[in-house]
Amino acid sequence: MVVVHRVFRRESALAPRLVRAVPDGGTARAAQVAAHLDDYVMGLHHHHSLEDELIWPLLHARGADGGLGERMEEQHQRIDRTLAVVAEWLPAWLREASPIAREELALALAEHHTVLLEHLDDEERLVLPLVAEHLTVDEWELVGRRGLEGLPKDKVLLAVGAILEDATPEERAYFLGRAPLLGRLMWRLVGRRKYAASCRALRGPLDGETGR
């Protein structure tokens, strides 16, 4: 979970910067950033749905959630509300890439980042010890497998790249060691280059940020 959380920490921090780096009227670039935001939101919702399906029912059935389930659900709702504000400003920004819509969208994404970090910190501090104590290894590994299986096939290699980007060598070895042989070959032959090219295309304009 911590490795996946790093993805959401990194991408939610980058999101306001990516938006602010789009020039006035840069609708083509705005569309590119918006597509990335769509993928980010899809991944976050998928992650939360897996927790709701595969973690919380087991902790509750084993009398181990201690009321944390309600706290996590409330935080999920707060996160969803921040994303609703993002969704409200995206169409206006996509139409004209105007400075007002750009700043409002960036502010909404910054608020989302703040609320998300609180949730991720709580999960790592409060929930992961319960998972380690009350879930079996097979139950926990199912969460990871379903995380990739539930993604669109054309997004899987990019998701693998996002997970491995900030992973330690030990984490990389653990993650890839549990992937099927075909998956490991695809990552080495295609995935690494595909993810690197995607990052260059998306993040390249940040090199010229003006500090807006």
C-alpha atoms as a PDB file:
ATOM      1  CA  MET A   1       0.000   0.000   0.000  1.00  0.00           C
ATOM      2  CA  VAL A   2       2.822   2.409   0.829  1.00  0.00           C
ATOM      3  CA  VAL A   3       4.330   1.980  -2.642  1.00  0.00           C
ATOM      4  CA  VAL A   4       0.974   2.732  -4.275  1.00  0.00           C
ATOM      5  CA  HIS A   5       0.432   5.674  -1.943  1.00  0.00           C
ATOM      6  CA  ARG A   6       3.685   7.179  -3.211  1.00  0.00           C
ATOM      7  CA  VAL A   7       2.122   7.314  -6.669  1.00  0.00           C
ATOM      8  CA  PHE A   8      -0.862   9.288  -5.417  1.00  0.00           C
ATOM      9  CA  ARG A   9       1.315  11.577  -3.291  1.00  0.00           C
ATOM     10  CA  ARG A  10       3.571  12.347  -6.251  1.00  0.00           C
ATOM     11  CA  GLU A  11       0.861  12.781  -8.864  1.00  0.00           C
ATOM     12  CA  SER A  12      -1.451  14.860  -6.679  1.00  0.00           C
ATOM     13  CA  ALA A  13       1.487  17.180  -5.891  1.00  0.00           C
ATOM     14  CA  LEU A  14       2.374  17.474  -9.585  1.00  0.00           C
ATOM     15  CA  ALA A  15      -1.188  18.157 -10.733  1.00  0.00           C
ATOM     16  CA  PRO A  16      -1.456  21.875  -9.776  1.00  0.00           C
ATOM     17  CA  ARG A  17       1.992  22.504 -11.285  1.00  0.00           C
ATOM     18  CA  LEU A  18       1.030  20.811 -14.532  1.00  0.00           C
ATOM     19  CA  VAL A  19      -2.097  22.957 -14.794  1.00  0.00           C
ATOM     20  CA  ARG A  20      -0.289  26.202 -13.987  1.00  0.00           C
ATOM     21  CA  ALA A  21       2.366  25.431 -16.608  1.00  0.00           C
ATOM     22  CA  VAL A  22      -0.232  25.435 -19.416  1.00  0.00           C
ATOM     23  CA  PRO A  23      -0.076  28.779 -21.268  1.00  0.00           C
ATOM     24  CA  ASP A  24      -3.113  30.979 -21.809  1.00  0.00           C
ATOM     25  CA  GLY A  25      -5.107  29.531 -24.686  1.00  0.00           C
ATOM     26  CA  GLY A  26      -3.092  26.315 -24.755  1.00  0.00           C
ATOM     27  CA  THR A  27      -6.097  24.063 -25.228  1.00  0.00           C
ATOM     28  CA  ALA A  28      -4.158  21.198 -26.830  1.00  0.00           C
ATOM     29  CA  ARG A  29      -1.803  21.031 -23.863  1.00  0.00           C
ATOM     30  CA  ALA A  30      -4.753  21.417 -21.471  1.00  0.00           C
ATOM     31  CA  ALA A  31      -6.361  18.360 -23.077  1.00  0.00           C
ATOM     32  CA  GLN A  32      -3.163  16.376 -22.553  1.00  0.00           C
ATOM     33  CA  VAL A  33      -3.010  17.311 -18.864  1.00  0.00           C
ATOM     34  CA  ALA A  34      -6.743  16.659 -18.437  1.00  0.00           C
ATOM     35  CA  ALA A  35      -6.324  13.138 -19.860  1.00  0.00           C
ATOM     36  CA  HIS A  36      -3.638  12.494 -17.257  1.00  0.00           C
ATOM     37  CA  LEU A  37      -5.916  13.837 -14.523  1.00  0.00           C
ATOM     38  CA  ASP A  38      -8.668  11.492 -15.697  1.00  0.00           C
ATOM     39  CA  ASP A  39      -6.289   8.546 -15.369  1.00  0.00           C
ATOM     40  CA  TYR A  40      -5.226   9.734 -11.913  1.00  0.00           C
ATOM     41  CA  VAL A  41      -8.821  10.024 -10.693  1.00  0.00           C
ATOM     42  CA  MET A  42      -9.687   6.616 -12.150  1.00  0.00           C
ATOM     43  CA  GLY A  43      -6.715   5.055 -10.364  1.00  0.00           C
ATOM     44  CA  LEU A  44      -7.563   6.688  -7.045  1.00  0.00           C
ATOM     45  CA  HIS A  45     -11.198   5.578  -7.200  1.00  0.00           C
ATOM     46  CA  HIS A  46     -10.082   2.064  -8.118  1.00  0.00           C
ATOM     47  CA  HIS A  47      -7.697   2.001  -5.157  1.00  0.00           C
ATOM     48  CA  HIS A  48     -10.395   3.102  -2.747  1.00  0.00           C
ATOM     49  CA  SER A  49     -12.941   0.647  -4.118  1.00  0.00           C
ATOM     50  CA  LEU A  50     -10.480  -2.212  -3.529  1.00  0.00           C
ATOM     51  CA  GLU A  51     -10.018  -1.119   0.069  1.00  0.00           C
ATOM     52  CA  ASP A  52     -13.775  -1.024   0.559  1.00  0.00           C
ATOM     53  CA  GLU A  53     -14.186  -4.460  -1.009  1.00  0.00           C
ATOM     54  CA  LEU A  54     -11.161  -6.413   0.204  1.00  0.00           C
ATOM     55  CA  ILE A  55      -9.837  -4.813   3.394  1.00  0.00           C
ATOM     56  CA  TRP A  56     -12.560  -3.219   5.472  1.00  0.00           C
ATOM     57  CA  PRO A  57     -15.028  -6.139   5.425  1.00  0.00           C
ATOM     58  CA  LEU A  58     -12.299  -8.497   6.670  1.00  0.00           C
ATOM     59  CA  LEU A  59     -11.148  -6.140   9.420  1.00  0.00           C
ATOM     60  CA  HIS A  60     -14.737  -5.558  10.495  1.00  0.00           C
ATOM     61  CA  ALA A  61     -15.589  -9.287  10.488  1.00  0.00           C
ATOM     62  CA  ARG A  62     -12.566  -9.934  12.684  1.00  0.00           C
ATOM     63  CA  GLY A  63     -13.466  -7.149  15.096  1.00  0.00           C
ATOM     64  CA  ALA A  64     -10.336  -5.223  14.220  1.00  0.00           C
ATOM     65  CA  ASP A  65     -11.477  -1.981  12.617  1.00  0.00           C
ATOM     66  CA  GLY A  66     -12.085  -0.163  15.914  1.00  0.00           C
ATOM     67  CA  GLY A  67     -14.304   2.421  14.230  1.00  0.00           C
ATOM     68  CA  LEU A  68     -11.609   3.328  11.738  1.00  0.00           C
ATOM     69  CA  GLY A  69     -13.814   2.240   8.859  1.00  0.00           C
ATOM     70  CA  GLU A  70     -16.141   5.168   9.464  1.00  0.00           C
ATOM     71  CA  ARG A  71     -13.210   7.560   9.697  1.00  0.00           C
ATOM     72  CA  MET A  72     -11.760   6.306   6.411  1.00  0.00           C
ATOM     73  CA  GLU A  73     -15.164   6.514   4.696  1.00  0.00           C
ATOM     74  CA  GLU A  74     -15.574  10.119   5.851  1.00  0.00           C
ATOM     75  CA  GLN A  75     -12.152  10.912   4.459  1.00  0.00           C
ATOM     76  CA  HIS A  76     -13.046   9.226   1.171  1.00  0.00           C
ATOM     77  CA  GLN A  77     -16.094  11.476   0.974  1.00  0.00           C
ATOM     78  CA  ARG A  78     -13.974  14.575   1.617  1.00  0.00           C
ATOM     79  CA  ILE A  79     -11.598  13.490  -1.142  1.00  0.00           C
ATOM     80  CA  ASP A  80     -14.538  12.962  -3.488  1.00  0.00           C
ATOM     81  CA  ARG A  81     -15.797  16.463  -2.726  1.00  0.00           C
ATOM     82  CA  THR A  82     -12.437  17.963  -3.671  1.00  0.00           C
ATOM     83  CA  LEU A  83     -12.509  16.003  -6.916  1.00  0.00           C
ATOM     84  CA  ALA A  84     -16.025  17.260  -7.595  1.00  0.00           C
ATOM     85  CA  VAL A  85     -14.661  20.822  -7.536  1.00  0.00           C
ATOM     86  CA  VAL A  86     -11.897  19.754  -9.914  1.00  0.00           C
ATOM     87  CA  ALA A  87     -14.532  18.286 -12.247  1.00  0.00           C
ATOM     88  CA  GLU A  88     -16.512  21.544 -12.135  1.00  0.00           C
ATOM     89  CA  TRP A  89     -13.567  23.619 -13.392  1.00  0.00           C
ATOM     90  CA  LEU A  90     -12.150  21.195 -15.955  1.00  0.00           C
ATOM     91  CA  PRO A  91     -14.668  21.900 -18.765  1.00  0.00           C
ATOM     92  CA  ALA A  92     -14.155  25.670 -18.598  1.00  0.00           C
ATOM     93  CA  TRP A  93     -10.383  25.229 -18.623  1.00  0.00           C
ATOM     94  CA  LEU A  94     -10.522  22.799 -21.535  1.00  0.00           C
ATOM     95  CA  ARG A  95     -12.637  25.172 -23.619  1.00  0.00           C
ATOM     96  CA  GLU A  96     -10.290  28.164 -23.554  1.00  0.00           C
ATOM     97  CA  ALA A  97      -7.402  27.459 -21.162  1.00  0.00           C
ATOM     98  CA  SER A  98      -8.120  30.837 -19.626  1.00  0.00           C
ATOM     99  CA  PRO A  99      -6.014  32.146 -16.715  1.00  0.00           C
ATOM    100  CA  ILE A 100      -9.018  32.323 -14.353  1.00  0.00           C
ATOM    101  CA  ALA A 101     -10.097  28.727 -14.988  1.00  0.00           C
ATOM    102  CA  ARG A 102      -6.468  27.608 -14.806  1.00  0.00           C
ATOM    103  CA  GLU A 103      -5.943  29.135 -11.371  1.00  0.00           C
ATOM    104  CA  GLU A 104      -9.263  27.918  -9.971  1.00  0.00           C
ATOM    105  CA  LEU A 105      -8.500  24.406 -11.200  1.00  0.00           C
ATOM    106  CA  ALA A 106      -4.988  24.527  -9.758  1.00  0.00           C
ATOM    107  CA  LEU A 107      -6.353  25.686  -6.396  1.00  0.00           C
ATOM    108  CA  ALA A 108      -8.911  22.863  -6.407  1.00  0.00           C
ATOM    109  CA  LEU A 109      -6.151  20.353  -7.129  1.00  0.00           C
ATOM    110  CA  ALA A 110      -3.981  21.798  -4.365  1.00  0.00           C
ATOM    111  CA  GLU A 111      -6.871  21.393  -1.909  1.00  0.00           C
ATOM    112  CA  HIS A 112      -7.344  17.829  -3.100  1.00  0.00           C
ATOM    113  CA  HIS A 113      -3.658  17.133  -2.470  1.00  0.00           C
ATOM    114  CA  THR A 114      -3.914  18.436   1.108  1.00  0.00           C
ATOM    115  CA  VAL A 115      -6.995  16.359   1.936  1.00  0.00           C
ATOM    116  CA  LEU A 116      -5.552  13.265   0.278  1.00  0.00           C
ATOM    117  CA  LEU A 117      -2.303  13.454   2.243  1.00  0.00           C
ATOM    118  CA  GLU A 118      -4.213  13.478   5.529  1.00  0.00           C
ATOM    119  CA  HIS A 119      -6.029  10.320   4.457  1.00  0.00           C
ATOM    120  CA  LEU A 120      -2.917   8.513   3.240  1.00  0.00           C
ATOM    121  CA  ASP A 121      -1.032   9.403   6.419  1.00  0.00           C
ATOM    122  CA  ASP A 122      -3.861   7.999   8.548  1.00  0.00           C
ATOM    123  CA  GLU A 123      -4.040   4.803   6.511  1.00  0.00           C
ATOM    124  CA  GLU A 124      -0.330   4.169   6.847  1.00  0.00           C
ATOM    125  CA  ARG A 125      -0.233   5.043  10.543  1.00  0.00           C
ATOM    126  CA  LEU A 126      -3.468   3.453  11.724  1.00  0.00           C
ATOM    127  CA  VAL A 127      -4.683   0.916   9.188  1.00  0.00           C
ATOM    128  CA  LEU A 128      -1.551  -0.866   7.968  1.00  0.00           C
ATOM    129  CA  PRO A 129      -0.707  -2.226  11.458  1.00  0.00           C
ATOM    130  CA  LEU A 130      -4.207  -3.762  11.571  1.00  0.00           C
ATOM    131  CA  VAL A 131      -3.743  -5.241   8.116  1.00  0.00           C
ATOM    132  CA  ALA A 132      -0.433  -6.801   9.162  1.00  0.00           C
ATOM    133  CA  GLU A 133      -2.043  -8.328  12.244  1.00  0.00           C
ATOM    134  CA  HIS A 134      -5.396  -9.505  10.922  1.00  0.00           C
ATOM    135  CA  LEU A 135      -5.071 -10.257   7.190  1.00  0.00           C
ATOM    136  CA  THR A 136      -3.267 -13.264   5.802  1.00  0.00           C
ATOM    137  CA  VAL A 137      -0.490 -12.925   3.238  1.00  0.00           C
ATOM    138  CA  ASP A 138      -2.797 -14.306   0.531  1.00  0.00           C
ATOM    139  CA  GLU A 139      -5.559 -11.836   1.427  1.00  0.00           C
ATOM    140  CA  TRP A 140      -3.131  -8.925   1.269  1.00  0.00           C
ATOM    141  CA  GLU A 141      -1.518 -10.019  -1.987  1.00  0.00           C
ATOM    142  CA  LEU A 142      -4.981 -10.295  -3.554  1.00  0.00           C
ATOM    143  CA  VAL A 143      -5.367  -6.542  -3.069  1.00  0.00           C
ATOM    144  CA  GLY A 144      -2.222  -5.918  -5.096  1.00  0.00           C
ATOM    145  CA  ARG A 145      -3.179  -8.323  -7.874  1.00  0.00           C
ATOM    146  CA  ARG A 146      -6.654  -6.885  -8.210  1.00  0.00           C
ATOM    147  CA  GLY A 147      -5.155  -3.411  -8.326  1.00  0.00           C
ATOM    148  CA  LEU A 148      -3.561  -4.087 -11.709  1.00  0.00           C
ATOM    149  CA  GLU A 149      -6.147  -6.560 -13.005  1.00  0.00           C
ATOM    150  CA  GLY A 150      -8.903  -3.968 -12.700  1.00  0.00           C
ATOM    151  CA  LEU A 151      -7.161  -1.406 -14.909  1.00  0.00           C
ATOM    152  CA  PRO A 152      -7.747  -1.003 -18.667  1.00  0.00           C
ATOM    153  CA  LYS A 153      -5.173  -3.116 -20.493  1.00  0.00           C
ATOM    154  CA  ASP A 154      -3.627  -0.094 -22.223  1.00  0.00           C
ATOM    155  CA  LYS A 155      -2.972   1.516 -18.833  1.00  0.00           C
ATOM    156  CA  VAL A 156      -1.290  -1.418 -17.069  1.00  0.00           C
ATOM    157  CA  LEU A 157       2.316  -0.758 -18.178  1.00  0.00           C
ATOM    158  CA  LEU A 158       1.983   2.921 -17.326  1.00  0.00           C
ATOM    159  CA  ALA A 159       0.613   1.963 -13.906  1.00  0.00           C
ATOM    160  CA  VAL A 160       3.562  -0.373 -13.362  1.00  0.00           C
ATOM    161  CA  GLY A 161       5.926   2.456 -14.262  1.00  0.00           C
ATOM    162  CA  ALA A 162       4.187   4.826 -11.878  1.00  0.00           C
ATOM    163  CA  ILE A 163       4.494   2.287  -9.060  1.00  0.00           C
ATOM    164  CA  LEU A 164       8.165   1.524  -9.746  1.00  0.00           C
ATOM    165  CA  GLU A 165       9.264   5.135 -10.244  1.00  0.00           C
ATOM    166  CA  ASP A 166       9.879   5.861  -6.562  1.00  0.00           C
ATOM    167  CA  ALA A 167      10.219   2.271  -5.345  1.00  0.00           C
ATOM    168  CA  THR A 168      13.353   1.112  -3.585  1.00  0.00           C
ATOM    169  CA  PRO A 169      15.414  -1.662  -5.219  1.00  0.00           C
ATOM    170  CA  GLU A 170      13.950  -4.127  -2.715  1.00  0.00           C
ATOM    171  CA  GLU A 171      10.401  -2.988  -3.473  1.00  0.00           C
ATOM    172  CA  ARG A 172      11.025  -3.220  -7.218  1.00  0.00           C
ATOM    173  CA  ALA A 173      12.362  -6.755  -6.870  1.00  0.00           C
ATOM    174  CA  TYR A 174       9.387  -7.783  -4.710  1.00  0.00           C
ATOM    175  CA  PHE A 175       6.830  -6.265  -7.086  1.00  0.00           C
ATOM    176  CA  LEU A 176       8.339  -7.619 -10.301  1.00  0.00           C
ATOM    177  CA  GLY A 177       9.062 -10.976  -8.680  1.00  0.00           C
ATOM    178  CA  ARG A 178       5.334 -11.546  -8.247  1.00  0.00           C
ATOM    179  CA  ALA A 179       4.445 -10.557 -11.798  1.00  0.00           C
ATOM    180  CA  PRO A 180       3.975 -13.293 -14.405  1.00  0.00           C
ATOM    181  CA  LEU A 181       6.902 -13.931 -16.745  1.00  0.00           C
ATOM    182  CA  LEU A 182       5.090 -12.344 -19.693  1.00  0.00           C
ATOM    183  CA  GLY A 183       4.404  -9.241 -17.625  1.00  0.00           C
ATOM    184  CA  ARG A 184       8.066  -8.906 -16.645  1.00  0.00           C
ATOM    185  CA  LEU A 185       9.146  -9.299 -20.264  1.00  0.00           C
ATOM    186  CA  MET A 186       6.634  -6.708 -21.446  1.00  0.00           C
ATOM    187  CA  TRP A 187       7.872  -4.250 -18.838  1.00  0.00           C
ATOM    188  CA  ARG A 188      11.524  -4.707 -19.803  1.00  0.00           C
ATOM    189  CA  LEU A 189      10.967  -4.692 -23.554  1.00  0.00           C
ATOM    190  CA  VAL A 190       8.212  -2.083 -23.872  1.00  0.00           C
ATOM    191  CA  GLY A 191       7.006  -0.720 -20.562  1.00  0.00           C
ATOM    192  CA  ARG A 192      10.097   1.106 -19.357  1.00  0.00           C
ATOM    193  CA  ARG A 193      10.486   3.093 -22.571  1.00  0.00           C
ATOM    194  CA  LYS A 194       6.755   3.760 -22.806  1.00  0.00           C
ATOM    195  CA  TYR A 195       6.597   5.098 -19.255  1.00  0.00           C
ATOM    196  CA  ALA A 196       9.731   7.227 -19.674  1.00  0.00           C
ATOM    197  CA  ALA A 197       8.336   8.767 -22.877  1.00  0.00           C
ATOM    198  CA  SER A 198       5.011   9.444 -21.157  1.00  0.00           C
ATOM    199  CA  CYS A 199       6.756  11.225 -18.272  1.00  0.00           C
ATOM    200  CA  ARG A 200       8.829  13.372 -20.635  1.00  0.00           C
ATOM    201  CA  ALA A 201       5.758  14.398 -22.612  1.00  0.00           C
ATOM    202  CA  LEU A 202       3.747  15.195 -19.513  1.00  0.00           C
ATOM    203  CA  ARG A 203       6.339  16.783 -17.227  1.00  0.00           C
ATOM    204  CA  GLY A 204       8.641  18.427 -19.768  1.00  0.00           C
ATOM    205  CA  PRO A 205       6.909  21.842 -19.588  1.00  0.00           C
ATOM    206  CA  LEU A 206       7.564  21.962 -15.841  1.00  0.00           C
ATOM    207  CA  ASP A 207      11.217  22.669 -16.631  1.00  0.00           C
ATOM    208  CA  GLY A 208      10.082  26.103 -17.809  1.00  0.00           C
ATOM    209  CA  GLU A 209       7.767  26.973 -14.932  1.00  0.00           C
ATOM    210  CA  THR A 210       7.425  30.682 -14.229  1.00  0.00           C
ATOM    211  CA  GLY A 211       6.437  30.240 -10.571  1.00  0.00           C
ATOM    212  CA  ARG A 212       2.764  31.049 -11.105  1.00  0.00           C
END
